[in-house]
Amino acid sequence: LSDNLFDTDNLIEFILICHNNAPPYDNPNKIYNENGTLLLQSY
């Protein structure tokens, strides 16, 4: 969680990690800012 790493607009950004409770039990990562804008996602 930071305010000047993934972009430089001083909004809070963070990596949000999910978990699937069923196979394949994957853990996708998504980078959001505090306004809900998706900056980058994994699959």
PDB file of all heavy atoms in Angstrom:
ATOM      1  N   LEU A   1       0.862  -1.173   0.000  1.00  0.00           N
ATOM      2  CA  LEU A   1       0.000   0.000   0.000  1.00  0.00           C
ATOM      3  C   LEU A   1       0.904   1.231   0.000  1.00  0.00           C
ATOM      4  O   LEU A   1       1.770   1.381   0.858  1.00  0.00           O
ATOM      5  CB  LEU A   1      -0.916  -0.029   1.223  1.00  0.00           C
ATOM      6  CG  LEU A   1      -2.031   1.020   1.268  1.00  0.00           C
ATOM      7  CD1 LEU A   1      -3.247   0.468   1.982  1.00  0.00           C
ATOM      8  CD2 LEU A   1      -1.556   2.273   1.979  1.00  0.00           C
ATOM      9  N   SER A   2       0.703   2.116  -0.970  1.00  0.00           N
ATOM     10  CA  SER A   2       1.592   3.276  -1.130  1.00  0.00           C
ATOM     11  C   SER A   2       0.840   4.386  -1.845  1.00  0.00           C
ATOM     12  O   SER A   2      -0.289   4.208  -2.300  1.00  0.00           O
ATOM     13  CB  SER A   2       2.841   2.890  -1.936  1.00  0.00           C
ATOM     14  OG  SER A   2       2.468   2.474  -3.245  1.00  0.00           O
ATOM     15  N   ASP A   3       1.481   5.542  -1.940  1.00  0.00           N
ATOM     16  CA  ASP A   3       0.854   6.669  -2.639  1.00  0.00           C
ATOM     17  C   ASP A   3       1.715   7.213  -3.771  1.00  0.00           C
ATOM     18  O   ASP A   3       1.358   8.201  -4.398  1.00  0.00           O
ATOM     19  CB  ASP A   3       0.520   7.798  -1.654  1.00  0.00           C
ATOM     20  CG  ASP A   3       1.750   8.350  -0.946  1.00  0.00           C
ATOM     21  OD1 ASP A   3       2.837   7.724  -1.044  1.00  0.00           O
ATOM     22  OD2 ASP A   3       1.643   9.393  -0.285  1.00  0.00           O
ATOM     23  N   ASN A   4       2.857   6.556  -4.043  1.00  0.00           N
ATOM     24  CA  ASN A   4       3.737   7.129  -5.064  1.00  0.00           C
ATOM     25  C   ASN A   4       4.630   6.055  -5.674  1.00  0.00           C
ATOM     26  O   ASN A   4       5.791   6.293  -5.937  1.00  0.00           O
ATOM     27  CB  ASN A   4       4.598   8.236  -4.448  1.00  0.00           C
ATOM     28  CG  ASN A   4       5.205   9.153  -5.497  1.00  0.00           C
ATOM     29  OD1 ASN A   4       4.819   9.125  -6.654  1.00  0.00           O
ATOM     30  ND2 ASN A   4       6.162   9.957  -5.095  1.00  0.00           N
ATOM     31  N   LEU A   5       4.071   4.858  -5.884  1.00  0.00           N
ATOM     32  CA  LEU A   5       4.850   3.770  -6.454  1.00  0.00           C
ATOM     33  C   LEU A   5       4.320   3.359  -7.817  1.00  0.00           C
ATOM     34  O   LEU A   5       5.044   3.378  -8.812  1.00  0.00           O
ATOM     35  CB  LEU A   5       4.858   2.563  -5.515  1.00  0.00           C
ATOM     36  CG  LEU A   5       5.568   1.306  -6.035  1.00  0.00           C
ATOM     37  CD1 LEU A   5       7.051   1.580  -6.253  1.00  0.00           C
ATOM     38  CD2 LEU A   5       5.373   0.137  -5.076  1.00  0.00           C
ATOM     39  N   PHE A   6       3.050   2.992  -7.874  1.00  0.00           N
ATOM     40  CA  PHE A   6       2.460   2.497  -9.125  1.00  0.00           C
ATOM     41  C   PHE A   6       2.047   3.626 -10.055  1.00  0.00           C
ATOM     42  O   PHE A   6       1.831   3.416 -11.242  1.00  0.00           O
ATOM     43  CB  PHE A   6       1.264   1.599  -8.811  1.00  0.00           C
ATOM     44  CG  PHE A   6       1.639   0.402  -7.985  1.00  0.00           C
ATOM     45  CD1 PHE A   6       1.222   0.290  -6.672  1.00  0.00           C
ATOM     46  CD2 PHE A   6       2.428  -0.606  -8.522  1.00  0.00           C
ATOM     47  CE1 PHE A   6       1.564  -0.812  -5.904  1.00  0.00           C
ATOM     48  CE2 PHE A   6       2.785  -1.709  -7.762  1.00  0.00           C
ATOM     49  CZ  PHE A   6       2.349  -1.815  -6.447  1.00  0.00           C
ATOM     50  N   ASP A   7       1.871   4.832  -9.528  1.00  0.00           N
ATOM     51  CA  ASP A   7       1.755   6.056 -10.324  1.00  0.00           C
ATOM     52  C   ASP A   7       2.150   7.204  -9.410  1.00  0.00           C
ATOM     53  O   ASP A   7       2.542   6.992  -8.264  1.00  0.00           O
ATOM     54  CB  ASP A   7       0.355   6.241 -10.933  1.00  0.00           C
ATOM     55  CG  ASP A   7      -0.744   6.253  -9.883  1.00  0.00           C
ATOM     56  OD1 ASP A   7      -0.504   6.767  -8.770  1.00  0.00           O
ATOM     57  OD2 ASP A   7      -1.839   5.766 -10.173  1.00  0.00           O
ATOM     58  N   THR A   8       2.080   8.434  -9.903  1.00  0.00           N
ATOM     59  CA  THR A   8       2.593   9.577  -9.130  1.00  0.00           C
ATOM     60  C   THR A   8       1.519  10.628  -8.883  1.00  0.00           C
ATOM     61  O   THR A   8       1.807  11.825  -8.816  1.00  0.00           O
ATOM     62  CB  THR A   8       3.781  10.224  -9.866  1.00  0.00           C
ATOM     63  OG1 THR A   8       3.376  10.592 -11.199  1.00  0.00           O
ATOM     64  CG2 THR A   8       4.955   9.258  -9.964  1.00  0.00           C
ATOM     65  N   ASP A   9       0.256  10.196  -8.720  1.00  0.00           N
ATOM     66  CA  ASP A   9      -0.827  11.162  -8.527  1.00  0.00           C
ATOM     67  C   ASP A   9      -1.214  11.351  -7.060  1.00  0.00           C
ATOM     68  O   ASP A   9      -2.180  12.038  -6.743  1.00  0.00           O
ATOM     69  CB  ASP A   9      -2.063  10.737  -9.329  1.00  0.00           C
ATOM     70  CG  ASP A   9      -2.567   9.353  -8.922  1.00  0.00           C
ATOM     71  OD1 ASP A   9      -2.051   8.776  -7.931  1.00  0.00           O
ATOM     72  OD2 ASP A   9      -3.477   8.837  -9.593  1.00  0.00           O
ATOM     73  N   ASN A  10      -0.460  10.713  -6.144  1.00  0.00           N
ATOM     74  CA  ASN A  10      -0.689  10.809  -4.695  1.00  0.00           C
ATOM     75  C   ASN A  10      -1.952  10.097  -4.210  1.00  0.00           C
ATOM     76  O   ASN A  10      -2.304  10.204  -3.030  1.00  0.00           O
ATOM     77  CB  ASN A  10      -0.709  12.265  -4.212  1.00  0.00           C
ATOM     78  CG  ASN A  10       0.658  12.920  -4.317  1.00  0.00           C
ATOM     79  OD1 ASN A  10       1.678  12.245  -4.182  1.00  0.00           O
ATOM     80  ND2 ASN A  10       0.680  14.214  -4.558  1.00  0.00           N
ATOM     81  N   LEU A  11      -2.652   9.395  -5.102  1.00  0.00           N
ATOM     82  CA  LEU A  11      -3.738   8.538  -4.641  1.00  0.00           C
ATOM     83  C   LEU A  11      -3.139   7.273  -4.021  1.00  0.00           C
ATOM     84  O   LEU A  11      -2.031   6.871  -4.370  1.00  0.00           O
ATOM     85  CB  LEU A  11      -4.661   8.162  -5.801  1.00  0.00           C
ATOM     86  CG  LEU A  11      -5.503   9.269  -6.426  1.00  0.00           C
ATOM     87  CD1 LEU A  11      -6.264   8.723  -7.634  1.00  0.00           C
ATOM     88  CD2 LEU A  11      -6.469   9.861  -5.406  1.00  0.00           C
ATOM     89  N   ILE A  12      -3.880   6.667  -3.108  1.00  0.00           N
ATOM     90  CA  ILE A  12      -3.425   5.421  -2.513  1.00  0.00           C
ATOM     91  C   ILE A  12      -3.589   4.293  -3.518  1.00  0.00           C
ATOM     92  O   ILE A  12      -4.629   4.157  -4.149  1.00  0.00           O
ATOM     93  CB  ILE A  12      -4.237   5.093  -1.242  1.00  0.00           C
ATOM     94  CG1 ILE A  12      -4.154   6.241  -0.233  1.00  0.00           C
ATOM     95  CG2 ILE A  12      -3.761   3.782  -0.622  1.00  0.00           C
ATOM     96  CD1 ILE A  12      -2.785   6.502   0.305  1.00  0.00           C
ATOM     97  N   GLU A  13      -2.537   3.490  -3.707  1.00  0.00           N
ATOM     98  CA  GLU A  13      -2.611   2.302  -4.553  1.00  0.00           C
ATOM     99  C   GLU A  13      -2.175   1.093  -3.743  1.00  0.00           C
ATOM    100  O   GLU A  13      -1.469   1.221  -2.755  1.00  0.00           O
ATOM    101  CB  GLU A  13      -1.706   2.433  -5.787  1.00  0.00           C
ATOM    102  CG  GLU A  13      -2.062   3.565  -6.722  1.00  0.00           C
ATOM    103  CD  GLU A  13      -1.239   4.809  -6.458  1.00  0.00           C
ATOM    104  OE1 GLU A  13      -0.092   4.679  -5.990  1.00  0.00           O
ATOM    105  OE2 GLU A  13      -1.754   5.908  -6.707  1.00  0.00           O
ATOM    106  N   PHE A  14      -2.576  -0.080  -4.195  1.00  0.00           N
ATOM    107  CA  PHE A  14      -2.268  -1.281  -3.428  1.00  0.00           C
ATOM    108  C   PHE A  14      -2.431  -2.516  -4.299  1.00  0.00           C
ATOM    109  O   PHE A  14      -3.136  -2.489  -5.320  1.00  0.00           O
ATOM    110  CB  PHE A  14      -3.196  -1.393  -2.208  1.00  0.00           C
ATOM    111  CG  PHE A  14      -4.652  -1.221  -2.526  1.00  0.00           C
ATOM    112  CD1 PHE A  14      -5.447  -2.311  -2.885  1.00  0.00           C
ATOM    113  CD2 PHE A  14      -5.238   0.041  -2.505  1.00  0.00           C
ATOM    114  CE1 PHE A  14      -6.783  -2.145  -3.194  1.00  0.00           C
ATOM    115  CE2 PHE A  14      -6.584   0.218  -2.815  1.00  0.00           C
ATOM    116  CZ  PHE A  14      -7.354  -0.883  -3.159  1.00  0.00           C
ATOM    117  N   ILE A  15      -1.775  -3.594  -3.903  1.00  0.00           N
ATOM    118  CA  ILE A  15      -1.965  -4.898  -4.526  1.00  0.00           C
ATOM    119  C   ILE A  15      -2.959  -5.671  -3.667  1.00  0.00           C
ATOM    120  O   ILE A  15      -2.756  -5.842  -2.463  1.00  0.00           O
ATOM    121  CB  ILE A  15      -0.649  -5.684  -4.634  1.00  0.00           C
ATOM    122  CG1 ILE A  15       0.358  -4.930  -5.524  1.00  0.00           C
ATOM    123  CG2 ILE A  15      -0.894  -7.079  -5.209  1.00  0.00           C
ATOM    124  CD1 ILE A  15       1.713  -5.615  -5.626  1.00  0.00           C
ATOM    125  N   LEU A  16      -4.034  -6.121  -4.291  1.00  0.00           N
ATOM    126  CA  LEU A  16      -5.073  -6.876  -3.597  1.00  0.00           C
ATOM    127  C   LEU A  16      -4.997  -8.329  -4.056  1.00  0.00           C
ATOM    128  O   LEU A  16      -5.071  -8.619  -5.246  1.00  0.00           O
ATOM    129  CB  LEU A  16      -6.449  -6.294  -3.917  1.00  0.00           C
ATOM    130  CG  LEU A  16      -7.660  -6.902  -3.206  1.00  0.00           C
ATOM    131  CD1 LEU A  16      -7.541  -6.720  -1.694  1.00  0.00           C
ATOM    132  CD2 LEU A  16      -8.949  -6.257  -3.704  1.00  0.00           C
ATOM    133  N   ILE A  17      -4.809  -9.226  -3.109  1.00  0.00           N
ATOM    134  CA  ILE A  17      -4.640 -10.642  -3.420  1.00  0.00           C
ATOM    135  C   ILE A  17      -5.931 -11.400  -3.125  1.00  0.00           C
ATOM    136  O   ILE A  17      -6.509 -11.240  -2.046  1.00  0.00           O
ATOM    137  CB  ILE A  17      -3.475 -11.257  -2.627  1.00  0.00           C
ATOM    138  CG1 ILE A  17      -2.146 -10.666  -3.092  1.00  0.00           C
ATOM    139  CG2 ILE A  17      -3.422 -12.766  -2.828  1.00  0.00           C
ATOM    140  CD1 ILE A  17      -1.734  -9.418  -2.402  1.00  0.00           C
ATOM    141  N   CYS A  18      -6.383 -12.182  -4.098  1.00  0.00           N
ATOM    142  CA  CYS A  18      -7.588 -13.008  -3.943  1.00  0.00           C
ATOM    143  C   CYS A  18      -7.194 -14.473  -3.821  1.00  0.00           C
ATOM    144  O   CYS A  18      -6.080 -14.867  -4.146  1.00  0.00           O
ATOM    145  CB  CYS A  18      -8.518 -12.830  -5.146  1.00  0.00           C
ATOM    146  SG  CYS A  18      -9.171 -11.170  -5.342  1.00  0.00           S
ATOM    147  N   HIS A  19      -8.153 -15.278  -3.378  1.00  0.00           N
ATOM    148  CA  HIS A  19      -7.925 -16.720  -3.294  1.00  0.00           C
ATOM    149  C   HIS A  19      -9.185 -17.448  -3.722  1.00  0.00           C
ATOM    150  O   HIS A  19     -10.292 -17.090  -3.313  1.00  0.00           O
ATOM    151  CB  HIS A  19      -7.557 -17.129  -1.864  1.00  0.00           C
ATOM    152  CG  HIS A  19      -7.412 -18.614  -1.701  1.00  0.00           C
ATOM    153  ND1 HIS A  19      -6.380 -19.319  -2.273  1.00  0.00           N
ATOM    154  CD2 HIS A  19      -8.183 -19.523  -1.036  1.00  0.00           C
ATOM    155  CE1 HIS A  19      -6.515 -20.599  -1.969  1.00  0.00           C
ATOM    156  NE2 HIS A  19      -7.599 -20.754  -1.228  1.00  0.00           N
ATOM    157  N   ASN A  20      -8.995 -18.448  -4.552  1.00  0.00           N
ATOM    158  CA  ASN A  20     -10.102 -19.275  -5.010  1.00  0.00           C
ATOM    159  C   ASN A  20     -10.228 -20.489  -4.087  1.00  0.00           C
ATOM    160  O   ASN A  20      -9.263 -21.241  -3.895  1.00  0.00           O
ATOM    161  CB  ASN A  20      -9.855 -19.738  -6.454  1.00  0.00           C
ATOM    162  CG  ASN A  20     -11.086 -20.392  -7.062  1.00  0.00           C
ATOM    163  OD1 ASN A  20     -12.080 -20.609  -6.372  1.00  0.00           O
ATOM    164  ND2 ASN A  20     -11.016 -20.704  -8.347  1.00  0.00           N
ATOM    165  N   ASN A  21     -11.399 -20.664  -3.516  1.00  0.00           N
ATOM    166  CA  ASN A  21     -11.607 -21.756  -2.567  1.00  0.00           C
ATOM    167  C   ASN A  21     -11.849 -23.106  -3.238  1.00  0.00           C
ATOM    168  O   ASN A  21     -12.050 -24.106  -2.552  1.00  0.00           O
ATOM    169  CB  ASN A  21     -12.786 -21.432  -1.651  1.00  0.00           C
ATOM    170  CG  ASN A  21     -12.527 -20.192  -0.824  1.00  0.00           C
ATOM    171  OD1 ASN A  21     -11.467 -20.058  -0.230  1.00  0.00           O
ATOM    172  ND2 ASN A  21     -13.483 -19.275  -0.794  1.00  0.00           N
ATOM    173  N   ALA A  22     -11.860 -23.117  -4.553  1.00  0.00           N
ATOM    174  CA  ALA A  22     -12.074 -24.360  -5.297  1.00  0.00           C
ATOM    175  C   ALA A  22     -10.922 -24.537  -6.283  1.00  0.00           C
ATOM    176  O   ALA A  22     -10.178 -23.595  -6.565  1.00  0.00           O
ATOM    177  CB  ALA A  22     -13.407 -24.306  -6.044  1.00  0.00           C
ATOM    178  N   PRO A  23     -10.725 -25.730  -6.819  1.00  0.00           N
ATOM    179  CA  PRO A  23      -9.654 -25.933  -7.804  1.00  0.00           C
ATOM    180  C   PRO A  23      -9.766 -24.923  -8.935  1.00  0.00           C
ATOM    181  O   PRO A  23     -10.871 -24.599  -9.347  1.00  0.00           O
ATOM    182  CB  PRO A  23      -9.884 -27.374  -8.289  1.00  0.00           C
ATOM    183  CG  PRO A  23     -10.599 -28.024  -7.152  1.00  0.00           C
ATOM    184  CD  PRO A  23     -11.471 -26.955  -6.559  1.00  0.00           C
ATOM    185  N   PRO A  24      -8.658 -24.335  -9.423  1.00  0.00           N
ATOM    186  CA  PRO A  24      -7.274 -24.729  -9.144  1.00  0.00           C
ATOM    187  C   PRO A  24      -6.646 -24.002  -7.948  1.00  0.00           C
ATOM    188  O   PRO A  24      -5.407 -23.951  -7.859  1.00  0.00           O
ATOM    189  CB  PRO A  24      -6.561 -24.318 -10.433  1.00  0.00           C
ATOM    190  CG  PRO A  24      -7.320 -23.095 -10.875  1.00  0.00           C
ATOM    191  CD  PRO A  24      -8.746 -23.337 -10.491  1.00  0.00           C
ATOM    192  N   TYR A  25      -7.439 -23.448  -7.059  1.00  0.00           N
ATOM    193  CA  TYR A  25      -6.927 -22.784  -5.856  1.00  0.00           C
ATOM    194  C   TYR A  25      -5.898 -21.702  -6.196  1.00  0.00           C
ATOM    195  O   TYR A  25      -4.832 -21.603  -5.604  1.00  0.00           O
ATOM    196  CB  TYR A  25      -6.312 -23.798  -4.885  1.00  0.00           C
ATOM    197  CG  TYR A  25      -7.267 -24.881  -4.467  1.00  0.00           C
ATOM    198  CD1 TYR A  25      -7.110 -26.177  -4.943  1.00  0.00           C
ATOM    199  CD2 TYR A  25      -8.334 -24.601  -3.615  1.00  0.00           C
ATOM    200  CE1 TYR A  25      -8.002 -27.184  -4.572  1.00  0.00           C
ATOM    201  CE2 TYR A  25      -9.231 -25.608  -3.234  1.00  0.00           C
ATOM    202  CZ  TYR A  25      -9.059 -26.892  -3.707  1.00  0.00           C
ATOM    203  OH  TYR A  25      -9.922 -27.881  -3.337  1.00  0.00           O
ATOM    204  N   ASP A  26      -6.213 -20.880  -7.190  1.00  0.00           N
ATOM    205  CA  ASP A  26      -5.284 -19.861  -7.651  1.00  0.00           C
ATOM    206  C   ASP A  26      -5.408 -18.592  -6.797  1.00  0.00           C
ATOM    207  O   ASP A  26      -6.360 -18.416  -6.046  1.00  0.00           O
ATOM    208  CB  ASP A  26      -5.501 -19.548  -9.128  1.00  0.00           C
ATOM    209  CG  ASP A  26      -6.952 -19.193  -9.424  1.00  0.00           C
ATOM    210  OD1 ASP A  26      -7.841 -19.756  -8.783  1.00  0.00           O
ATOM    211  OD2 ASP A  26      -7.191 -18.339 -10.286  1.00  0.00           O
ATOM    212  N   ASN A  27      -4.410 -17.729  -6.940  1.00  0.00           N
ATOM    213  CA  ASN A  27      -4.343 -16.494  -6.156  1.00  0.00           C
ATOM    214  C   ASN A  27      -4.047 -15.295  -7.055  1.00  0.00           C
ATOM    215  O   ASN A  27      -2.924 -14.792  -7.087  1.00  0.00           O
ATOM    216  CB  ASN A  27      -3.252 -16.599  -5.082  1.00  0.00           C
ATOM    217  CG  ASN A  27      -3.523 -17.694  -4.090  1.00  0.00           C
ATOM    218  OD1 ASN A  27      -4.281 -17.533  -3.162  1.00  0.00           O
ATOM    219  ND2 ASN A  27      -2.888 -18.840  -4.318  1.00  0.00           N
ATOM    220  N   PRO A  28      -5.009 -14.824  -7.814  1.00  0.00           N
ATOM    221  CA  PRO A  28      -4.762 -13.671  -8.686  1.00  0.00           C
ATOM    222  C   PRO A  28      -4.479 -12.402  -7.886  1.00  0.00           C
ATOM    223  O   PRO A  28      -5.031 -12.195  -6.802  1.00  0.00           O
ATOM    224  CB  PRO A  28      -6.064 -13.536  -9.478  1.00  0.00           C
ATOM    225  CG  PRO A  28      -7.099 -14.219  -8.653  1.00  0.00           C
ATOM    226  CD  PRO A  28      -6.397 -15.325  -7.942  1.00  0.00           C
ATOM    227  N   ASN A  29      -3.580 -11.563  -8.406  1.00  0.00           N
ATOM    228  CA  ASN A  29      -3.227 -10.275  -7.813  1.00  0.00           C
ATOM    229  C   ASN A  29      -3.771  -9.155  -8.684  1.00  0.00           C
ATOM    230  O   ASN A  29      -3.707  -9.241  -9.917  1.00  0.00           O
ATOM    231  CB  ASN A  29      -1.709 -10.109  -7.732  1.00  0.00           C
ATOM    232  CG  ASN A  29      -1.036 -11.068  -6.766  1.00  0.00           C
ATOM    233  OD1 ASN A  29      -0.003 -10.750  -6.221  1.00  0.00           O
ATOM    234  ND2 ASN A  29      -1.579 -12.254  -6.563  1.00  0.00           N
ATOM    235  N   LYS A  30      -4.289  -8.100  -8.060  1.00  0.00           N
ATOM    236  CA  LYS A  30      -4.778  -6.945  -8.814  1.00  0.00           C
ATOM    237  C   LYS A  30      -4.286  -5.671  -8.140  1.00  0.00           C
ATOM    238  O   LYS A  30      -4.269  -5.575  -6.916  1.00  0.00           O
ATOM    239  CB  LYS A  30      -6.302  -6.956  -8.886  1.00  0.00           C
ATOM    240  CG  LYS A  30      -6.877  -8.164  -9.641  1.00  0.00           C
ATOM    241  CD  LYS A  30      -8.389  -8.098  -9.764  1.00  0.00           C
ATOM    242  CE  LYS A  30      -8.925  -9.295 -10.536  1.00  0.00           C
ATOM    243  NZ  LYS A  30     -10.402  -9.228 -10.730  1.00  0.00           N
ATOM    244  N   ILE A  31      -3.880  -4.711  -8.966  1.00  0.00           N
ATOM    245  CA  ILE A  31      -3.408  -3.429  -8.448  1.00  0.00           C
ATOM    246  C   ILE A  31      -4.493  -2.381  -8.697  1.00  0.00           C
ATOM    247  O   ILE A  31      -4.871  -2.123  -9.847  1.00  0.00           O
ATOM    248  CB  ILE A  31      -2.090  -2.992  -9.117  1.00  0.00           C
ATOM    249  CG1 ILE A  31      -1.013  -4.066  -8.922  1.00  0.00           C
ATOM    250  CG2 ILE A  31      -1.621  -1.658  -8.548  1.00  0.00           C
ATOM    251  CD1 ILE A  31       0.288  -3.755  -9.620  1.00  0.00           C
ATOM    252  N   TYR A  32      -5.005  -1.794  -7.623  1.00  0.00           N
ATOM    253  CA  TYR A  32      -6.044  -0.777  -7.687  1.00  0.00           C
ATOM    254  C   TYR A  32      -5.530   0.528  -7.079  1.00  0.00           C
ATOM    255  O   TYR A  32      -4.588   0.533  -6.278  1.00  0.00           O
ATOM    256  CB  TYR A  32      -7.276  -1.195  -6.877  1.00  0.00           C
ATOM    257  CG  TYR A  32      -8.087  -2.328  -7.454  1.00  0.00           C
ATOM    258  CD1 TYR A  32      -7.917  -3.626  -6.988  1.00  0.00           C
ATOM    259  CD2 TYR A  32      -9.051  -2.105  -8.423  1.00  0.00           C
ATOM    260  CE1 TYR A  32      -8.681  -4.679  -7.486  1.00  0.00           C
ATOM    261  CE2 TYR A  32      -9.824  -3.141  -8.927  1.00  0.00           C
ATOM    262  CZ  TYR A  32      -9.635  -4.421  -8.455  1.00  0.00           C
ATOM    263  OH  TYR A  32     -10.395  -5.449  -8.956  1.00  0.00           O
ATOM    264  N   ASN A  33      -6.217   1.642  -7.432  1.00  0.00           N
ATOM    265  CA  ASN A  33      -6.032   2.844  -6.640  1.00  0.00           C
ATOM    266  C   ASN A  33      -7.270   3.046  -5.774  1.00  0.00           C
ATOM    267  O   ASN A  33      -8.251   2.293  -5.875  1.00  0.00           O
ATOM    268  CB  ASN A  33      -5.717   4.076  -7.497  1.00  0.00           C
ATOM    269  CG  ASN A  33      -6.897   4.544  -8.341  1.00  0.00           C
ATOM    270  OD1 ASN A  33      -8.049   4.148  -8.127  1.00  0.00           O
ATOM    271  ND2 ASN A  33      -6.626   5.397  -9.322  1.00  0.00           N
ATOM    272  N   GLU A  34      -7.250   4.031  -4.921  1.00  0.00           N
ATOM    273  CA  GLU A  34      -8.315   4.200  -3.937  1.00  0.00           C
ATOM    274  C   GLU A  34      -9.668   4.535  -4.559  1.00  0.00           C
ATOM    275  O   GLU A  34     -10.712   4.372  -3.904  1.00  0.00           O
ATOM    276  CB  GLU A  34      -7.946   5.290  -2.934  1.00  0.00           C
ATOM    277  CG  GLU A  34      -7.762   6.679  -3.540  1.00  0.00           C
ATOM    278  CD  GLU A  34      -7.367   7.693  -2.489  1.00  0.00           C
ATOM    279  OE1 GLU A  34      -8.284   8.231  -1.834  1.00  0.00           O
ATOM    280  OE2 GLU A  34      -6.165   7.939  -2.307  1.00  0.00           O
ATOM    281  N   ASN A  35      -9.684   4.970  -5.818  1.00  0.00           N
ATOM    282  CA  ASN A  35     -10.947   5.258  -6.501  1.00  0.00           C
ATOM    283  C   ASN A  35     -11.542   4.026  -7.165  1.00  0.00           C
ATOM    284  O   ASN A  35     -12.590   4.099  -7.815  1.00  0.00           O
ATOM    285  CB  ASN A  35     -10.745   6.355  -7.545  1.00  0.00           C
ATOM    286  CG  ASN A  35     -10.413   7.691  -6.916  1.00  0.00           C
ATOM    287  OD1 ASN A  35     -10.762   7.946  -5.756  1.00  0.00           O
ATOM    288  ND2 ASN A  35      -9.740   8.560  -7.663  1.00  0.00           N
ATOM    289  N   GLY A  36     -10.867   2.886  -7.044  1.00  0.00           N
ATOM    290  CA  GLY A  36     -11.362   1.655  -7.642  1.00  0.00           C
ATOM    291  C   GLY A  36     -10.868   1.402  -9.046  1.00  0.00           C
ATOM    292  O   GLY A  36     -11.290   0.433  -9.686  1.00  0.00           O
ATOM    293  N   THR A  37      -9.982   2.257  -9.555  1.00  0.00           N
ATOM    294  CA  THR A  37      -9.431   2.064 -10.900  1.00  0.00           C
ATOM    295  C   THR A  37      -8.443   0.905 -10.889  1.00  0.00           C
ATOM    296  O   THR A  37      -7.525   0.864 -10.063  1.00  0.00           O
ATOM    297  CB  THR A  37      -8.724   3.339 -11.389  1.00  0.00           C
ATOM    298  OG1 THR A  37      -9.652   4.421 -11.400  1.00  0.00           O
ATOM    299  CG2 THR A  37      -8.156   3.139 -12.790  1.00  0.00           C
ATOM    300  N   LEU A  38      -8.623  -0.053 -11.805  1.00  0.00           N
ATOM    301  CA  LEU A  38      -7.725  -1.189 -11.926  1.00  0.00           C
ATOM    302  C   LEU A  38      -6.512  -0.776 -12.760  1.00  0.00           C
ATOM    303  O   LEU A  38      -6.644  -0.428 -13.938  1.00  0.00           O
ATOM    304  CB  LEU A  38      -8.449  -2.365 -12.578  1.00  0.00           C
ATOM    305  CG  LEU A  38      -7.646  -3.646 -12.771  1.00  0.00           C
ATOM    306  CD1 LEU A  38      -7.204  -4.222 -11.440  1.00  0.00           C
ATOM    307  CD2 LEU A  38      -8.462  -4.672 -13.561  1.00  0.00           C
ATOM    308  N   LEU A  39      -5.329  -0.792 -12.158  1.00  0.00           N
ATOM    309  CA  LEU A  39      -4.109  -0.375 -12.851  1.00  0.00           C
ATOM    310  C   LEU A  39      -3.442  -1.534 -13.586  1.00  0.00           C
ATOM    311  O   LEU A  39      -2.876  -1.355 -14.659  1.00  0.00           O
ATOM    312  CB  LEU A  39      -3.125   0.237 -11.857  1.00  0.00           C
ATOM    313  CG  LEU A  39      -3.651   1.411 -11.020  1.00  0.00           C
ATOM    314  CD1 LEU A  39      -2.560   1.922 -10.085  1.00  0.00           C
ATOM    315  CD2 LEU A  39      -4.152   2.538 -11.921  1.00  0.00           C
ATOM    316  N   LEU A  40      -3.492  -2.723 -12.990  1.00  0.00           N
ATOM    317  CA  LEU A  40      -2.893  -3.896 -13.611  1.00  0.00           C
ATOM    318  C   LEU A  40      -3.431  -5.123 -12.889  1.00  0.00           C
ATOM    319  O   LEU A  40      -3.709  -5.071 -11.689  1.00  0.00           O
ATOM    320  CB  LEU A  40      -1.357  -3.857 -13.486  1.00  0.00           C
ATOM    321  CG  LEU A  40      -0.569  -4.887 -14.294  1.00  0.00           C
ATOM    322  CD1 LEU A  40      -0.748  -4.661 -15.795  1.00  0.00           C
ATOM    323  CD2 LEU A  40       0.922  -4.815 -13.937  1.00  0.00           C
ATOM    324  N   GLN A  41      -3.597  -6.222 -13.614  1.00  0.00           N
ATOM    325  CA  GLN A  41      -4.097  -7.427 -12.971  1.00  0.00           C
ATOM    326  C   GLN A  41      -3.326  -8.647 -13.443  1.00  0.00           C
ATOM    327  O   GLN A  41      -2.712  -8.645 -14.505  1.00  0.00           O
ATOM    328  CB  GLN A  41      -5.585  -7.619 -13.249  1.00  0.00           C
ATOM    329  CG  GLN A  41      -5.955  -7.886 -14.691  1.00  0.00           C
ATOM    330  CD  GLN A  41      -7.453  -8.127 -14.858  1.00  0.00           C
ATOM    331  OE1 GLN A  41      -8.133  -8.513 -13.922  1.00  0.00           O
ATOM    332  NE2 GLN A  41      -7.952  -7.881 -16.053  1.00  0.00           N
ATOM    333  N   SER A  42      -3.343  -9.658 -12.606  1.00  0.00           N
ATOM    334  CA  SER A  42      -2.747 -10.932 -12.968  1.00  0.00           C
ATOM    335  C   SER A  42      -3.866 -11.946 -13.183  1.00  0.00           C
ATOM    336  O   SER A  42      -5.026 -11.674 -12.884  1.00  0.00           O
ATOM    337  CB  SER A  42      -1.804 -11.410 -11.855  1.00  0.00           C
ATOM    338  OG  SER A  42      -2.545 -11.718 -10.692  1.00  0.00           O
ATOM    339  N   TYR A  43      -3.499 -13.103 -13.670  1.00  0.00           N
ATOM    340  CA  TYR A  43      -4.504 -14.106 -13.978  1.00  0.00           C
ATOM    341  C   TYR A  43      -4.084 -15.461 -13.396  1.00  0.00           C
ATOM    342  O   TYR A  43      -2.910 -15.838 -13.443  1.00  0.00           O
ATOM    343  CB  TYR A  43      -4.683 -14.242 -15.496  1.00  0.00           C
ATOM    344  CG  TYR A  43      -5.063 -12.953 -16.171  1.00  0.00           C
ATOM    345  CD1 TYR A  43      -4.087 -12.097 -16.658  1.00  0.00           C
ATOM    346  CD2 TYR A  43      -6.395 -12.569 -16.290  1.00  0.00           C
ATOM    347  CE1 TYR A  43      -4.429 -10.899 -17.272  1.00  0.00           C
ATOM    348  CE2 TYR A  43      -6.745 -11.381 -16.902  1.00  0.00           C
ATOM    349  CZ  TYR A  43      -5.758 -10.547 -17.391  1.00  0.00           C
ATOM    350  OH  TYR A  43      -6.095  -9.357 -17.995  1.00  0.00           O
TER     351      TYR A  43
END
